[in-house]
Every structure is written in C-alpha cells, then in structure tokens.
Amino acid sequence: MMNVATGEVRNLYENFEVEKDIFYFKVGALGLISFHGRNYNIKKSLSDEQLKAYIKSGQFIKVSGSCYVNATKIMSFADGRISFDQLGSETKQVPVSKWRQNQIKTLLSARKPIAM
C-alpha cells in the first residue's frame, strides 16, 4: 500500500503542467522555483532557459521581485491581493501593490473580465 500512495504523490510532483496547474510561482536562489497550485506547493529546479520561456510566454505576469502569477488563473483583485480560487475556505492569494495591480488589470482587460 505504501508504494502505491508514494507513487501517486511522486506522479503529482513530476507530472504537473505549469501553464495548466499553477496559480503562481516564486523564484528562489540557484534556479529553485516554488510552484503554487490549488492544493499543493512544489519546489523544483529549472534551467534559466525554462524560466525565461515561462516568463516570455506572457502567461505569467510579474507581481513582485520574485513572484509571477498565471494570468489565466486570476479570479479577482481585492484589498491589495490577487485571488486565484474562489472555491473553498482557503483561497490562494498573492499580495500586490496598487500600482502593479493597475498594470495587471490593464494587461488583462483585453483577455477576460476580472471581478473587482
């Protein structure tokens, strides 16, 4: 039984899709990236090329020095925070300055409506 459960956990960590599953990520030292999804946080090493590809795609928007949010997963902006999931009691959120919030709203205005 233990191996089956371990295998399932390992598959989640190895097989998640950044563009589809991740709400935001934070860049750490030496290429270590902390990915945050609905029910998990995963730390993984990426090459500079992989990181630059995610950022260059336009799907991830910088909200602070080391934090990038998935533009397709943003549900709302409120009280200096970006919310990603309005289901359940523990909504994933990221703090954002008002200046950066206005920039992100401008970028997203053509993509999809955002709840204010």
Protein backbone atom coordinates (compact mmCIF):
# COMPACT_ATOMS: atom_id res chain seq x y z
CA MET A 1 0.00 0.00 0.00
CA MET A 2 2.73 2.42 0.89
CA ASN A 3 4.35 2.17 -2.55
CA VAL A 4 1.09 2.92 -4.34
CA ALA A 5 0.49 6.07 -2.30
CA THR A 6 4.11 7.16 -2.73
CA GLY A 7 3.87 6.57 -6.48
CA GLU A 8 0.74 8.73 -6.72
CA VAL A 9 2.41 11.57 -4.84
CA ARG A 10 5.53 11.26 -6.98
CA ASN A 11 3.42 11.44 -10.16
CA LEU A 12 1.79 14.69 -8.99
CA TYR A 13 5.18 16.25 -8.38
CA GLU A 14 6.70 15.02 -11.62
CA ASN A 15 3.75 15.40 -13.99
CA PHE A 16 2.12 18.73 -13.17
CA GLU A 17 1.76 21.17 -16.07
CA VAL A 18 2.96 24.64 -15.17
CA GLU A 19 0.70 26.52 -17.59
CA LYS A 20 -2.39 24.50 -16.67
CA ASP A 21 -1.99 23.68 -12.96
CA ILE A 22 -0.01 26.52 -11.36
CA PHE A 23 -1.58 29.71 -9.93
CA TYR A 24 1.77 31.43 -9.30
CA PHE A 25 5.45 30.74 -8.78
CA LYS A 26 8.27 32.33 -6.85
CA VAL A 27 11.87 32.35 -7.99
CA GLY A 28 14.39 31.36 -5.34
CA ALA A 29 18.13 31.03 -5.22
CA LEU A 30 20.05 28.99 -7.79
CA GLY A 31 17.10 28.26 -10.07
CA LEU A 32 14.90 26.72 -7.36
CA ILE A 33 11.30 27.63 -8.17
CA SER A 34 8.38 27.30 -5.75
CA PHE A 35 5.21 26.48 -7.71
CA HIS A 36 1.82 27.03 -6.04
CA GLY A 37 -1.31 25.27 -7.25
CA ARG A 38 -4.78 24.69 -5.83
CA ASN A 39 -3.85 22.12 -3.18
CA TYR A 40 -0.08 21.98 -3.25
CA ASN A 41 3.26 23.76 -3.29
CA ILE A 42 6.12 22.20 -5.22
CA LYS A 43 9.76 23.24 -5.29
CA LYS A 44 11.64 22.32 -8.42
CA SER A 45 14.87 23.34 -10.13
CA LEU A 46 14.59 24.90 -13.58
CA SER A 47 17.21 25.99 -16.04
CA ASP A 48 17.46 29.68 -16.91
CA GLU A 49 16.07 28.86 -20.37
CA GLN A 50 12.98 27.14 -18.94
CA LEU A 51 12.29 30.02 -16.56
CA LYS A 52 12.74 32.61 -19.30
CA ALA A 53 10.37 30.66 -21.56
CA TYR A 54 7.59 30.76 -18.94
CA ILE A 55 8.09 34.47 -18.38
CA LYS A 56 8.42 35.31 -22.08
CA SER A 57 5.20 33.43 -22.96
CA GLY A 58 3.14 36.25 -21.46
CA GLN A 59 1.02 33.84 -19.44
CA PHE A 60 2.93 34.66 -16.25
CA ILE A 61 2.94 38.28 -15.06
CA LYS A 62 5.44 39.67 -12.58
CA VAL A 63 3.79 40.99 -9.39
CA SER A 64 6.92 41.46 -7.28
CA GLY A 65 10.67 40.97 -7.49
CA SER A 66 10.46 37.19 -7.47
CA CYS A 67 6.75 36.32 -7.88
CA TYR A 68 4.90 35.66 -11.14
CA VAL A 69 1.16 34.95 -11.40
CA ASN A 70 -0.61 32.87 -14.02
CA ALA A 71 -2.78 35.41 -15.86
CA THR A 72 -5.25 32.72 -16.93
CA LYS A 73 -5.91 31.70 -13.31
CA ILE A 74 -6.64 35.13 -11.76
CA MET A 75 -10.19 35.25 -10.42
CA SER A 76 -10.26 38.66 -8.72
CA PHE A 77 -8.43 41.63 -7.21
CA ALA A 78 -9.37 42.86 -3.73
CA ASP A 79 -7.67 44.66 -0.86
CA GLY A 80 -4.20 44.55 -2.41
CA ARG A 81 -4.40 40.84 -3.19
CA ILE A 82 -4.84 38.68 -6.25
CA SER A 83 -7.15 35.69 -5.68
CA PHE A 84 -6.95 32.55 -7.77
CA ASP A 85 -9.58 30.20 -6.46
CA GLN A 86 -12.92 31.22 -5.01
CA LEU A 87 -13.90 27.68 -4.09
CA GLY A 88 -13.47 26.57 -0.50
CA SER A 89 -12.39 28.46 2.57
CA GLU A 90 -8.66 28.67 1.88
CA THR A 91 -8.38 30.75 -1.25
CA LYS A 92 -4.87 31.07 -2.69
CA GLN A 93 -3.85 34.74 -2.75
CA VAL A 94 -0.80 36.83 -3.53
CA PRO A 95 -0.20 40.38 -2.26
CA VAL A 96 0.20 43.03 -4.96
CA SER A 97 0.82 46.77 -4.83
CA LYS A 98 -1.91 49.07 -6.14
CA TRP A 99 0.41 50.33 -8.87
CA ARG A 100 1.20 46.79 -10.06
CA GLN A 101 -2.46 45.80 -9.69
CA ASN A 102 -3.49 48.58 -12.08
CA GLN A 103 -0.83 47.48 -14.58
CA ILE A 104 -2.07 43.89 -14.46
CA LYS A 105 -5.70 44.96 -14.88
CA THR A 106 -4.70 46.96 -17.95
CA LEU A 107 -2.86 43.98 -19.42
CA LEU A 108 -5.76 41.64 -18.76
CA SER A 109 -8.58 43.95 -19.83
CA ALA A 110 -8.46 42.61 -23.38
CA ARG A 111 -8.16 38.96 -22.29
CA LYS A 112 -11.10 38.37 -19.91
CA PRO A 113 -13.19 40.29 -17.39
CA ILE A 114 -11.79 40.42 -13.85
CA ALA A 115 -14.01 40.79 -10.77
CA MET A 116 -13.12 43.91 -8.79
